[in-house]
Amino acid sequence: MKARSIFLNAAALVVFSVAAFGQSTAVTTTVELPARAPAKVSSAVTPEVINRDLREAVTIIQENYGGQKSLDYNQVFKASIESMLHTLDPHSNYFDAKDFEEFKTDQSSRYYGIGATIGDMSDPNGKVVATFIKATFDGAPANRAGLRYGDKIISVNGENTLGKPYTEVRNLLRGKKGTVAKLVIERLGTGKRETVEIVRDAVRQPSIREAYMLKPGVGYLKMDGGFTQTTFMEFIADMRSLKAQGMQQLIIDLRDNGGGLVGQACRVADVFLTEGQTVLTQKGRDGTPVQRYDSQNPTPDRSPVVILVNRNTASASEILAGAMQDHDRALIVGEGTFGKGLVQNPFMVDYGGMLLLTIAKYTTPSGRLIQRDYSNGDLYSYYTDGGSFRNEDEVEKPHGPESHTDTGRAVYSGGGITPDVSVKPNMITVARDRVQRSLLSPISAFSFDLIAGRLKGMESYKVDRPIMFDHDLQATDFPINEELYNAFKAYAASKYKIKAAVADDEREFVQRMLRTELVQAAYGAETSYQVFNEYDNQIAKALESLPQAKRLSLDAMKVRAATTPTEQK
């Protein structure tokens, strides 16, 4: 493959010098260079100079590179552009044609495949045995083809999948729309092998994964799928459904929502904010106009709202949380958010690629700029020590200048959204995590036998019907009683040599995972997440905080009423 010129109008490839010569501490082996006349130094860096230097660098690489890697010019150019953009800020990025297609797929709330949740299971020695179907999605190709919980995947399009982890099998199942995935499966209930041909199609990836009543009068929305093209429509549909079920108070869960389309976040905020209230202000480069996004809703929803956030809540999610906090329209509960206050815009480039370039900073209604500092250019520290992996023991402190909410509460710039009520998630040690992981395969194996009706005296737990979707979990759905728990302990001891004391130390985990498997088989993957929510201490705190959210919203309404001019009669 020949080296190619690439969209120099984007001033793309200046970083070769940085990438090649920035590491001064490395140990190197050199050879003597031939004498060369000194080059004239240009007084200004221009696109022409960049083009010349780039071509020279690529030519030298092409003619002289002798390392172990084979030259991949796409990767060379891609790494160059990415490095250049990251000298500007951590969020400007470059997508080649393949990456751009994946990006567009993510933004459209779908992917192409068969539409199934899968998982692998290991033997007592830790070796992967096979990958199994855990659930299918409503209306997806796998569901239409009759795949069920516990079906063992023997092969995909002739490639043997036994012994392969689910990540490898997943890649075989995904593919272009309209192509065929030919599966050989072994049925859980009968042990018989069947060949099933499934035509891959679009599989919905909702941005709102869960919408149900946590308790009478309290609705819950799990928004961890990013803000995509369908988010607002999903939100309105789910709100209507919850209202029909008697919802009077709402918990919006933005934990692990990395953001997405700003416009969608603004439209969700618009549901709760009064006409004229600012959602965000966007400030671009000098000389460009400041843009302000205001609510246009004359009849906003008045339900008390708690918003759950954590350190992976970022970007568009922070826009929503910040607007609701600044107007005292919601109580924010959880951990400090990531702190991304930059706005990116896509620019199409040659060869099917796309530049995602930061064009502006946004501020919350109170004037907060929540972007964390990235001036040292250390991306690793930005995304770890200061970001989603920051020290659990550090006390979160306010950053930057002080602003005030509508009722006068102090809020601060420079470090994401600080919650009104701080509560950290339940954490376990690495050693305990290792123990819990060792229990996963025994739990899966026991669940397969239980759901297939192969355990004597436990036939009532057999699931031999298709998934019933859109089910709100009840306490009476598959309770894990003492008899069932003891049956698991005996099974794990005989099949996997798991000591009873180990299971007893992790009894809550075992019971939670067993019930998750049963619910997943009967009601699907999305309903099974409701089992985890029953054990979630941050959700419990959100429920406890709803009266405080109601008082806050009422106080804000009083302030607005006192400051809004009345019509003269």
Protein backbone atom coordinates (compact mmCIF):
# COMPACT_ATOMS: atom_id res chain seq x y z
CA MET A 1 0.00 0.00 0.00
CA LYS A 2 1.35 3.41 -0.91
CA ALA A 3 1.44 6.32 1.47
CA ARG A 4 -1.41 8.72 0.80
CA SER A 5 -2.05 12.40 1.38
CA ILE A 6 -4.86 13.10 3.82
CA PHE A 7 -7.11 16.18 4.28
CA LEU A 8 -4.41 18.73 4.93
CA ASN A 9 -7.12 21.36 5.19
CA ALA A 10 -7.78 19.90 8.65
CA ALA A 11 -4.14 20.74 9.55
CA ALA A 12 -3.93 17.18 10.62
CA LEU A 13 -0.54 15.66 10.85
CA VAL A 14 1.84 17.96 12.68
CA VAL A 15 2.30 15.55 15.56
CA PHE A 16 4.83 13.25 13.97
CA SER A 17 7.63 15.25 15.57
CA VAL A 18 5.97 15.06 18.98
CA ALA A 19 5.20 11.36 18.72
CA ALA A 20 8.62 10.43 17.40
CA PHE A 21 10.92 12.54 19.54
CA GLY A 22 9.01 13.28 22.74
CA GLN A 23 10.41 10.31 24.74
CA SER A 24 13.77 11.45 26.06
CA THR A 25 14.25 8.72 28.70
CA ALA A 26 14.10 5.65 26.44
CA VAL A 27 17.20 3.47 25.94
CA THR A 28 18.10 3.47 22.24
CA THR A 29 20.58 1.92 19.85
CA THR A 30 21.74 4.21 17.05
CA VAL A 31 23.83 4.07 13.91
CA GLU A 32 25.98 6.85 12.50
CA LEU A 33 24.02 9.20 10.27
CA PRO A 34 25.38 10.36 6.91
CA ALA A 35 26.42 13.98 6.62
CA ARG A 36 23.60 16.25 5.49
CA ALA A 37 23.43 19.87 4.57
CA PRO A 38 21.63 21.96 7.20
CA ALA A 39 18.04 22.60 6.24
CA LYS A 40 16.57 26.05 6.13
CA VAL A 41 14.25 26.65 9.05
CA SER A 42 10.92 28.14 8.08
CA SER A 43 9.79 31.03 10.20
CA ALA A 44 6.18 29.88 10.16
CA VAL A 45 4.49 26.50 10.27
CA THR A 46 2.08 26.31 7.35
CA PRO A 47 0.00 23.49 5.86
CA GLU A 48 2.57 23.29 3.08
CA VAL A 49 5.40 22.78 5.59
CA ILE A 50 3.39 20.16 7.45
CA ASN A 51 2.64 18.36 4.20
CA ARG A 52 6.32 18.37 3.22
CA ASP A 53 7.51 17.12 6.62
CA LEU A 54 4.86 14.45 6.76
CA ARG A 55 5.67 13.14 3.30
CA GLU A 56 9.34 13.04 4.19
CA ALA A 57 8.67 11.18 7.44
CA VAL A 58 6.43 8.62 5.73
CA THR A 59 8.99 8.12 2.95
CA ILE A 60 11.76 7.48 5.50
CA ILE A 61 9.52 5.01 7.34
CA GLN A 62 8.53 3.29 4.13
CA GLU A 63 12.11 2.88 2.90
CA ASN A 64 13.92 2.14 6.16
CA TYR A 65 11.61 0.71 8.84
CA GLY A 66 12.95 -2.66 10.03
CA GLY A 67 11.00 -3.41 13.18
CA GLN A 68 8.84 -6.43 13.87
CA LYS A 69 5.49 -4.86 13.03
CA SER A 70 4.26 -4.77 9.47
CA LEU A 71 3.45 -1.28 8.28
CA ASP A 72 -0.23 -0.34 8.49
CA TYR A 73 -0.52 3.13 7.01
CA ASN A 74 -4.07 3.57 8.25
CA GLN A 75 -2.88 3.06 11.81
CA VAL A 76 0.10 5.39 11.26
CA PHE A 77 -2.12 8.20 10.04
CA LYS A 78 -4.81 7.52 12.63
CA ALA A 79 -2.36 7.61 15.52
CA SER A 80 -0.85 10.81 14.17
CA ILE A 81 -4.16 12.63 13.99
CA GLU A 82 -5.30 11.37 17.40
CA SER A 83 -2.04 12.50 19.00
CA MET A 84 -2.38 15.94 17.47
CA LEU A 85 -5.96 16.33 18.70
CA HIS A 86 -5.06 15.21 22.20
CA THR A 87 -2.55 18.03 22.46
CA LEU A 88 -5.61 20.29 22.25
CA ASP A 89 -7.91 18.55 24.73
CA PRO A 90 -8.84 15.02 25.86
CA HIS A 91 -12.14 14.84 23.98
CA SER A 92 -11.31 15.87 20.43
CA ASN A 93 -10.87 12.68 18.46
CA TYR A 94 -10.50 11.13 15.01
CA PHE A 95 -12.57 8.24 13.65
CA ASP A 96 -11.47 6.34 10.58
CA ALA A 97 -14.17 4.92 8.31
CA LYS A 98 -14.70 1.77 10.41
CA ASP A 99 -14.76 3.65 13.72
CA PHE A 100 -17.13 6.22 12.25
CA GLU A 101 -19.62 3.55 11.22
CA GLU A 102 -19.56 2.17 14.77
CA PHE A 103 -20.01 5.69 16.14
CA LYS A 104 -23.07 6.25 13.97
CA THR A 105 -24.48 2.89 15.04
CA ASP A 106 -24.10 3.82 18.71
CA GLN A 107 -25.80 7.16 18.15
CA SER A 108 -28.75 5.44 16.49
CA SER A 109 -29.49 3.25 19.55
CA ARG A 110 -28.94 -0.02 17.73
CA TYR A 111 -26.41 -2.57 16.55
CA TYR A 112 -26.57 -5.38 14.01
CA GLY A 113 -26.61 -8.98 15.14
CA ILE A 114 -29.03 -11.61 16.46
CA GLY A 115 -30.18 -9.81 19.62
CA ALA A 116 -29.28 -12.09 22.52
CA THR A 117 -27.54 -11.89 25.88
CA ILE A 118 -24.87 -14.59 26.15
CA GLY A 119 -22.48 -15.82 28.82
CA ASP A 120 -19.87 -18.52 29.19
CA MET A 121 -19.44 -21.14 31.91
CA SER A 122 -16.26 -22.79 33.21
CA ASP A 123 -15.55 -26.24 34.63
CA PRO A 124 -14.24 -26.81 38.18
CA ASN A 125 -10.69 -26.15 36.92
CA GLY A 126 -11.61 -22.74 35.53
CA LYS A 127 -11.52 -23.77 31.87
CA VAL A 128 -14.29 -22.32 29.69
CA VAL A 129 -16.69 -25.08 28.66
CA ALA A 130 -19.01 -23.23 26.32
CA THR A 131 -21.06 -20.11 25.71
CA PHE A 132 -24.80 -20.15 26.35
CA ILE A 133 -27.84 -18.05 25.51
CA LYS A 134 -28.96 -16.20 28.64
CA ALA A 135 -31.83 -14.16 27.17
CA THR A 136 -33.17 -12.76 23.93
CA PHE A 137 -34.67 -9.33 23.28
CA ASP A 138 -38.27 -8.68 22.40
CA GLY A 139 -38.75 -8.86 18.63
CA ALA A 140 -35.05 -9.48 17.92
CA PRO A 141 -33.95 -12.15 15.39
CA ALA A 142 -32.83 -14.58 18.13
CA ASN A 143 -36.21 -14.28 19.82
CA ARG A 144 -38.07 -14.86 16.56
CA ALA A 145 -35.88 -17.90 15.89
CA GLY A 146 -36.86 -19.46 19.21
CA LEU A 147 -33.56 -19.35 21.06
CA ARG A 148 -34.02 -19.84 24.79
CA TYR A 149 -32.17 -19.52 28.08
CA GLY A 150 -29.53 -22.23 28.47
CA ASP A 151 -29.14 -23.11 24.78
CA LYS A 152 -25.50 -24.07 24.30
CA ILE A 153 -23.83 -22.56 21.23
CA ILE A 154 -21.87 -25.34 19.51
CA SER A 155 -20.79 -23.45 16.38
CA VAL A 156 -21.43 -20.29 14.38
CA ASN A 157 -21.18 -20.49 10.56
CA GLY A 158 -19.15 -23.67 10.84
CA GLU A 159 -16.68 -22.33 13.42
CA ASN A 160 -16.55 -24.40 16.59
CA THR A 161 -17.30 -22.25 19.65
CA LEU A 162 -16.93 -24.83 22.42
CA GLY A 163 -14.30 -23.69 24.89
CA LYS A 164 -14.32 -20.13 23.59
CA PRO A 165 -15.18 -17.22 25.91
CA TYR A 166 -18.38 -15.33 25.22
CA THR A 167 -16.46 -12.28 23.95
CA GLU A 168 -15.17 -14.27 20.97
CA VAL A 169 -18.55 -15.85 20.31
CA ARG A 170 -20.22 -12.43 20.46
CA ASN A 171 -18.00 -11.19 17.63
CA LEU A 172 -19.05 -14.17 15.52
CA LEU A 173 -22.73 -13.48 16.14
CA ARG A 174 -22.58 -9.82 15.13
CA GLY A 175 -22.39 -8.81 11.50
CA LYS A 176 -23.93 -6.80 8.71
CA LYS A 177 -27.68 -6.50 8.38
CA GLY A 178 -29.14 -9.19 6.15
CA THR A 179 -26.29 -11.66 6.54
CA VAL A 180 -26.93 -15.14 7.97
CA ALA A 181 -25.65 -16.52 11.26
CA LYS A 182 -25.94 -20.32 11.08
CA LEU A 183 -25.91 -21.66 14.64
CA VAL A 184 -25.69 -25.21 15.87
CA ILE A 185 -27.18 -25.22 19.37
CA GLU A 186 -27.81 -27.82 22.05
CA ARG A 187 -31.17 -27.34 23.76
CA LEU A 188 -31.12 -27.06 27.54
CA GLY A 189 -34.29 -29.05 28.13
CA THR A 190 -33.69 -31.99 25.76
CA GLY A 191 -29.95 -32.04 25.05
CA LYS A 192 -30.73 -32.36 21.34
CA ARG A 193 -28.68 -30.45 18.78
CA GLU A 194 -30.39 -28.26 16.21
CA THR A 195 -29.26 -26.03 13.37
CA VAL A 196 -30.82 -22.58 13.42
CA GLU A 197 -30.31 -20.00 10.67
CA ILE A 198 -30.81 -16.41 11.82
CA VAL A 199 -30.77 -13.38 9.52
CA ARG A 200 -28.95 -10.56 11.30
CA ASP A 201 -30.92 -7.39 11.73
CA ALA A 202 -30.97 -4.13 13.66
CA VAL A 203 -31.16 -4.78 17.40
CA ARG A 204 -32.47 -1.98 19.55
CA GLN A 205 -30.13 -0.59 22.21
CA PRO A 206 -32.39 1.66 24.27
CA SER A 207 -30.79 4.57 26.07
CA ILE A 208 -33.27 3.99 28.91
CA ARG A 209 -32.68 0.41 29.97
CA GLU A 210 -35.23 0.22 32.78
CA ALA A 211 -38.49 2.02 33.48
CA TYR A 212 -40.66 0.65 36.27
CA MET A 213 -42.25 1.43 39.63
CA LEU A 214 -39.74 1.01 42.46
CA LYS A 215 -42.57 1.21 44.97
CA PRO A 216 -46.12 2.60 44.89
CA GLY A 217 -45.98 6.19 43.63
CA VAL A 218 -42.23 6.14 42.83
CA GLY A 219 -41.04 5.67 39.26
CA TYR A 220 -37.50 4.75 38.25
CA LEU A 221 -35.67 5.38 34.97
CA LYS A 222 -32.26 3.81 34.36
CA MET A 223 -30.62 6.06 31.74
CA ASP A 224 -27.20 4.51 31.20
CA GLY A 225 -27.30 4.04 27.44
CA GLY A 226 -26.08 7.53 26.56
CA PHE A 227 -28.05 10.33 24.94
CA THR A 228 -28.83 9.09 21.45
CA GLN A 229 -31.23 10.02 18.68
CA THR A 230 -34.10 8.23 20.41
CA THR A 231 -33.54 9.27 24.04
CA PHE A 232 -36.20 11.97 24.29
CA MET A 233 -38.86 9.83 22.59
CA GLU A 234 -38.02 6.94 24.94
CA PHE A 235 -38.18 9.30 27.90
CA ILE A 236 -41.63 10.65 27.01
CA ALA A 237 -43.02 7.16 26.37
CA ASP A 238 -41.66 5.83 29.67
CA MET A 239 -42.93 8.86 31.61
CA ARG A 240 -46.43 8.33 30.22
CA SER A 241 -46.30 4.67 31.18
CA LEU A 242 -45.13 5.44 34.72
CA LYS A 243 -47.75 8.15 35.14
CA ALA A 244 -50.42 5.66 34.08
CA GLN A 245 -49.18 3.38 36.85
CA GLY A 246 -49.61 6.09 39.45
CA MET A 247 -46.16 7.69 39.52
CA GLN A 248 -46.00 10.83 41.67
CA GLN A 249 -42.24 10.95 42.35
CA LEU A 250 -39.32 10.05 40.09
CA ILE A 251 -35.75 8.77 40.36
CA ILE A 252 -33.62 9.34 37.24
CA ASP A 253 -30.50 7.16 37.32
CA LEU A 254 -27.67 8.76 35.30
CA ARG A 255 -24.91 6.61 36.78
CA ASP A 256 -22.48 5.37 34.12
CA ASN A 257 -24.11 7.54 31.45
CA GLY A 258 -21.19 8.91 29.44
CA GLY A 259 -23.22 11.50 27.55
CA GLY A 260 -23.95 11.90 23.87
CA LEU A 261 -26.20 14.31 22.00
CA VAL A 262 -26.52 17.63 23.83
CA GLY A 263 -29.85 18.43 22.19
CA GLN A 264 -31.41 15.28 23.63
CA ALA A 265 -30.25 16.18 27.15
CA CYS A 266 -31.73 19.67 26.75
CA ARG A 267 -35.08 18.24 25.64
CA VAL A 268 -35.23 15.98 28.70
CA ALA A 269 -34.44 18.95 30.97
CA ASP A 270 -37.16 20.89 29.17
CA VAL A 271 -39.74 18.43 30.53
CA PHE A 272 -39.14 19.72 34.08
CA LEU A 273 -38.01 23.35 33.66
CA THR A 274 -40.29 26.32 33.24
CA GLU A 275 -40.40 28.31 30.02
CA GLY A 276 -37.47 30.75 29.93
CA GLN A 277 -35.27 28.90 32.41
CA THR A 278 -31.76 28.35 31.04
CA VAL A 279 -30.55 24.79 30.46
CA LEU A 280 -26.98 25.66 29.41
CA THR A 281 -24.88 28.36 27.81
CA GLN A 282 -22.37 27.47 25.10
CA LYS A 283 -19.28 29.64 24.52
CA GLY A 284 -17.11 29.01 21.48
CA ARG A 285 -13.88 30.58 20.28
CA ASP A 286 -13.39 34.33 20.51
CA GLY A 287 -15.57 36.20 18.05
CA THR A 288 -18.28 33.55 17.84
CA PRO A 289 -21.69 34.26 19.35
CA VAL A 290 -22.65 32.85 22.73
CA GLN A 291 -25.50 30.35 22.43
CA ARG A 292 -28.04 29.85 25.19
CA TYR A 293 -30.55 27.03 25.41
CA ASP A 294 -33.70 27.88 27.35
CA SER A 295 -36.69 25.78 28.28
CA GLN A 296 -39.74 26.36 26.12
CA ASN A 297 -42.20 24.42 28.24
CA PRO A 298 -45.08 26.49 29.64
CA THR A 299 -46.47 23.51 31.60
CA PRO A 300 -43.50 21.56 33.05
CA ASP A 301 -43.85 18.36 35.02
CA ARG A 302 -43.92 19.08 38.78
CA SER A 303 -43.07 15.63 40.13
CA PRO A 304 -40.34 15.62 42.83
CA VAL A 305 -37.15 14.31 41.22
CA VAL A 306 -33.96 12.72 42.53
CA ILE A 307 -31.09 12.26 40.05
CA LEU A 308 -28.48 9.59 40.76
CA VAL A 309 -24.94 10.28 39.51
CA ASN A 310 -21.47 8.80 39.85
CA ARG A 311 -17.95 9.39 38.55
CA ASN A 312 -18.87 7.94 35.16
CA THR A 313 -21.71 10.42 34.69
CA ALA A 314 -20.32 12.74 32.03
CA SER A 315 -20.98 15.34 29.34
CA ALA A 316 -24.64 15.49 28.28
CA SER A 317 -25.59 13.72 31.52
CA GLU A 318 -23.86 16.47 33.47
CA ILE A 319 -25.75 19.07 31.43
CA LEU A 320 -29.04 17.54 32.56
CA ALA A 321 -27.94 17.09 36.18
CA GLY A 322 -26.38 20.59 36.33
CA ALA A 323 -29.46 22.32 34.95
CA MET A 324 -31.77 20.49 37.33
CA GLN A 325 -29.49 21.24 40.29
CA ASP A 326 -28.97 24.93 39.49
CA HIS A 327 -32.72 25.48 39.25
CA ASP A 328 -33.28 23.39 42.41
CA ARG A 329 -35.59 21.21 40.33
CA ALA A 330 -33.94 17.94 41.41
CA LEU A 331 -31.89 16.68 44.31
CA ILE A 332 -28.59 15.18 43.13
CA VAL A 333 -27.54 12.00 44.99
CA GLY A 334 -24.43 9.85 44.64
CA GLU A 335 -20.81 10.71 43.81
CA GLY A 336 -19.13 13.64 42.08
CA THR A 337 -19.43 13.37 38.31
CA PHE A 338 -16.64 13.09 35.74
CA GLY A 339 -16.33 16.77 34.85
CA LYS A 340 -16.58 17.09 31.04
CA GLY A 341 -17.70 20.58 30.06
CA LEU A 342 -16.58 20.62 26.41
CA VAL A 343 -18.82 20.39 23.36
CA GLN A 344 -17.70 18.48 20.25
CA ASN A 345 -18.94 18.84 16.70
CA PRO A 346 -18.40 16.27 13.91
CA PHE A 347 -16.53 17.32 10.75
CA MET A 348 -16.59 14.91 7.83
CA VAL A 349 -13.21 14.30 6.16
CA ASP A 350 -11.87 12.31 3.24
CA TYR A 351 -11.92 8.51 3.00
CA GLY A 352 -15.07 8.16 5.13
CA GLY A 353 -13.53 9.47 8.33
CA MET A 354 -14.70 12.04 10.85
CA LEU A 355 -13.07 14.58 13.15
CA LEU A 356 -14.88 15.08 16.43
CA LEU A 357 -13.53 18.51 17.39
CA THR A 358 -14.14 20.56 20.51
CA ILE A 359 -15.84 23.77 19.39
CA ALA A 360 -17.04 25.24 22.67
CA LYS A 361 -17.29 25.10 26.43
CA TYR A 362 -20.64 25.03 28.15
CA THR A 363 -21.68 26.46 31.48
CA THR A 364 -24.61 25.47 33.66
CA PRO A 365 -27.44 27.97 34.34
CA SER A 366 -25.64 29.38 37.40
CA GLY A 367 -22.50 30.03 35.33
CA ARG A 368 -20.51 26.97 36.36
CA LEU A 369 -17.82 25.66 34.02
CA ILE A 370 -17.59 22.05 35.17
CA GLN A 371 -14.68 20.93 32.96
CA ARG A 372 -11.81 19.45 34.96
CA ASP A 373 -8.30 20.71 34.37
CA TYR A 374 -6.33 18.98 31.60
CA SER A 375 -3.54 21.52 31.14
CA ASN A 376 -0.73 19.03 31.81
CA GLY A 377 -1.78 16.95 28.78
CA ASP A 378 -1.59 13.67 30.73
CA LEU A 379 -4.50 11.65 29.35
CA TYR A 380 -3.91 8.72 31.67
CA SER A 381 -4.24 10.87 34.78
CA TYR A 382 -7.20 12.69 33.28
CA TYR A 383 -9.18 9.48 32.78
CA THR A 384 -8.00 7.66 35.92
CA ASP A 385 -6.60 9.47 38.96
CA GLY A 386 -8.77 12.51 38.46
CA GLY A 387 -11.63 10.82 36.68
CA SER A 388 -13.50 7.55 36.89
CA PHE A 389 -10.78 5.77 38.90
CA ARG A 390 -9.94 8.51 41.36
CA ASN A 391 -9.08 7.54 44.92
CA GLU A 392 -12.09 6.16 46.76
CA ASP A 393 -10.82 7.53 50.09
CA GLU A 394 -10.42 11.12 48.94
CA VAL A 395 -12.95 13.53 50.36
CA GLU A 396 -14.68 15.33 47.51
CA LYS A 397 -14.16 19.07 47.90
CA PRO A 398 -15.61 21.99 45.97
CA HIS A 399 -13.52 23.24 43.03
CA GLY A 400 -13.30 26.62 41.37
CA PRO A 401 -15.39 29.76 41.71
CA GLU A 402 -18.61 29.72 43.69
CA SER A 403 -22.01 30.11 42.03
CA HIS A 404 -25.51 29.86 43.44
CA THR A 405 -28.67 27.95 42.62
CA ASP A 406 -32.06 29.65 42.32
CA THR A 407 -32.62 29.31 46.08
CA GLY A 408 -29.12 30.53 46.93
CA ARG A 409 -27.33 27.24 47.56
CA ALA A 410 -23.59 27.31 46.81
CA VAL A 411 -22.30 25.28 43.85
CA TYR A 412 -18.81 25.27 42.36
CA SER A 413 -17.02 25.20 39.02
CA GLY A 414 -14.08 23.12 37.86
CA GLY A 415 -14.83 19.59 38.98
CA GLY A 416 -18.03 18.12 37.63
CA ILE A 417 -21.34 18.13 39.47
CA THR A 418 -21.03 17.73 43.23
CA PRO A 419 -24.04 15.85 44.63
CA ASP A 420 -26.34 17.42 47.20
CA VAL A 421 -26.34 14.12 49.09
CA SER A 422 -23.11 12.14 48.87
CA VAL A 423 -23.23 8.36 49.06
CA LYS A 424 -20.60 5.96 47.76
CA PRO A 425 -21.53 2.58 46.28
CA ASN A 426 -20.99 -0.61 48.20
CA MET A 427 -17.48 -1.84 47.41
CA ILE A 428 -15.73 -5.16 47.95
CA THR A 429 -12.06 -6.10 48.18
CA VAL A 430 -10.15 -7.67 45.31
CA ALA A 431 -9.91 -10.92 47.32
CA ARG A 432 -13.67 -11.02 47.85
CA ASP A 433 -14.28 -10.26 44.18
CA ARG A 434 -12.14 -13.26 43.32
CA VAL A 435 -14.27 -15.47 45.56
CA GLN A 436 -17.49 -14.19 44.02
CA ARG A 437 -16.19 -14.82 40.53
CA SER A 438 -15.39 -18.42 41.51
CA LEU A 439 -19.07 -18.86 42.38
CA LEU A 440 -20.44 -17.67 39.03
CA SER A 441 -20.00 -20.93 37.11
CA PRO A 442 -21.51 -23.08 39.90
CA ILE A 443 -24.46 -20.67 40.02
CA SER A 444 -24.93 -20.88 36.23
CA ALA A 445 -24.64 -24.68 36.16
CA PHE A 446 -27.10 -25.06 39.05
CA SER A 447 -29.51 -22.61 37.40
CA PHE A 448 -29.40 -24.55 34.12
CA ASP A 449 -30.40 -27.77 35.88
CA LEU A 450 -32.98 -25.95 38.00
CA ILE A 451 -34.66 -24.21 35.05
CA ALA A 452 -34.59 -27.42 32.98
CA GLY A 453 -36.45 -29.22 35.79
CA ARG A 454 -33.65 -31.68 36.44
CA LEU A 455 -33.41 -31.14 40.22
CA LYS A 456 -35.63 -33.45 42.23
CA GLY A 457 -38.09 -31.62 44.44
CA MET A 458 -37.43 -28.29 42.69
CA GLU A 459 -39.68 -28.78 39.69
CA SER A 460 -41.69 -25.64 40.50
CA TYR A 461 -38.70 -23.53 39.37
CA LYS A 462 -38.75 -25.02 35.87
CA VAL A 463 -39.13 -22.44 33.10
CA ASP A 464 -40.41 -24.01 29.90
CA ARG A 465 -42.06 -21.07 28.15
CA PRO A 466 -40.87 -18.11 26.05
CA ILE A 467 -39.79 -14.92 27.83
CA MET A 468 -42.58 -12.69 29.13
CA PHE A 469 -41.26 -9.20 28.41
CA ASP A 470 -42.09 -5.91 30.18
CA HIS A 471 -42.66 -7.57 33.53
CA ASP A 472 -42.32 -5.55 36.74
CA LEU A 473 -40.60 -7.76 39.28
CA GLN A 474 -42.63 -8.85 42.31
CA ALA A 475 -41.40 -10.20 45.64
CA THR A 476 -43.20 -13.45 44.85
CA ASP A 477 -41.21 -14.00 41.63
CA PHE A 478 -38.70 -16.80 42.24
CA PRO A 479 -37.89 -16.24 45.94
CA ILE A 480 -34.68 -17.91 47.05
CA ASN A 481 -35.79 -19.83 50.13
CA GLU A 482 -33.75 -21.91 52.54
CA GLU A 483 -34.46 -25.16 50.73
CA LEU A 484 -33.24 -23.79 47.39
CA TYR A 485 -30.15 -22.19 48.93
CA ASN A 486 -29.17 -25.44 50.67
CA ALA A 487 -29.70 -27.34 47.42
CA PHE A 488 -27.26 -24.97 45.73
CA LYS A 489 -24.65 -25.46 48.48
CA ALA A 490 -24.86 -29.24 48.08
CA TYR A 491 -24.63 -28.94 44.29
CA ALA A 492 -21.63 -26.56 44.41
CA ALA A 493 -19.84 -28.82 46.88
CA SER A 494 -20.33 -31.98 44.83
CA LYS A 495 -19.75 -30.53 41.36
CA TYR A 496 -17.26 -27.70 42.00
CA LYS A 497 -15.74 -28.52 45.42
CA ILE A 498 -17.03 -25.23 46.85
CA LYS A 499 -16.96 -25.39 50.63
CA ALA A 500 -20.22 -24.61 52.43
CA ALA A 501 -18.48 -21.93 54.50
CA VAL A 502 -17.42 -20.10 51.32
CA ALA A 503 -21.00 -20.03 50.04
CA ASP A 504 -22.31 -18.95 53.45
CA ASP A 505 -19.86 -16.04 53.58
CA GLU A 506 -21.28 -14.90 50.22
CA ARG A 507 -24.90 -15.90 50.82
CA GLU A 508 -26.35 -12.55 49.74
CA PHE A 509 -24.35 -12.67 46.50
CA VAL A 510 -25.41 -16.26 45.82
CA GLN A 511 -29.08 -15.51 46.43
CA ARG A 512 -28.95 -12.38 44.26
CA MET A 513 -27.28 -14.17 41.36
CA LEU A 514 -29.53 -17.23 41.55
CA ARG A 515 -32.63 -15.05 41.43
CA THR A 516 -31.10 -13.03 38.57
CA GLU A 517 -30.67 -16.20 36.52
CA LEU A 518 -34.23 -17.33 37.17
CA VAL A 519 -35.74 -13.94 36.39
CA GLN A 520 -33.62 -13.64 33.25
CA ALA A 521 -34.89 -16.97 31.97
CA ALA A 522 -38.53 -16.08 32.64
CA TYR A 523 -38.71 -12.34 32.03
CA GLY A 524 -35.58 -11.32 30.11
CA ALA A 525 -32.34 -9.49 30.78
CA GLU A 526 -33.84 -6.04 31.34
CA THR A 527 -36.19 -7.22 34.08
CA SER A 528 -33.37 -9.15 35.75
CA TYR A 529 -31.56 -5.87 36.45
CA GLN A 530 -34.35 -5.08 38.89
CA VAL A 531 -32.95 -7.80 41.16
CA PHE A 532 -29.67 -5.87 41.48
CA ASN A 533 -31.54 -2.65 42.26
CA GLU A 534 -33.02 -4.28 45.36
CA TYR A 535 -29.47 -4.49 46.78
CA ASP A 536 -28.31 -1.02 45.61
CA ASN A 537 -27.50 1.29 48.55
CA GLN A 538 -27.45 4.40 46.34
CA ILE A 539 -30.97 3.70 45.08
CA ALA A 540 -32.04 3.16 48.69
CA LYS A 541 -30.59 6.59 49.54
CA ALA A 542 -32.40 8.14 46.57
CA LEU A 543 -35.71 6.77 47.86
CA GLU A 544 -34.94 8.13 51.31
CA SER A 545 -34.13 11.56 49.81
CA LEU A 546 -37.39 12.07 47.89
CA PRO A 547 -39.02 14.21 50.64
CA GLN A 548 -35.97 16.50 50.56
CA ALA A 549 -36.29 16.74 46.75
CA LYS A 550 -39.93 17.72 47.14
CA ARG A 551 -39.11 20.50 49.65
CA LEU A 552 -36.32 21.79 47.39
CA SER A 553 -38.61 21.99 44.37
CA LEU A 554 -41.31 23.81 46.38
CA ASP A 555 -38.74 26.33 47.68
CA ALA A 556 -37.60 26.99 44.11
CA MET A 557 -41.18 27.59 42.98
CA LYS A 558 -41.65 30.14 45.78
CA VAL A 559 -38.46 31.97 44.75
CA ARG A 560 -39.57 32.12 41.12
CA ALA A 561 -43.02 33.35 42.12
CA ALA A 562 -41.47 36.12 44.25
CA THR A 563 -39.10 37.28 41.51
CA THR A 564 -41.43 37.01 38.47
CA PRO A 565 -43.15 40.31 37.68
CA THR A 566 -46.92 40.04 37.87
CA GLU A 567 -49.09 41.36 35.06
CA GLN A 568 -50.45 44.83 35.80
CA LYS A 569 -54.22 45.09 35.69
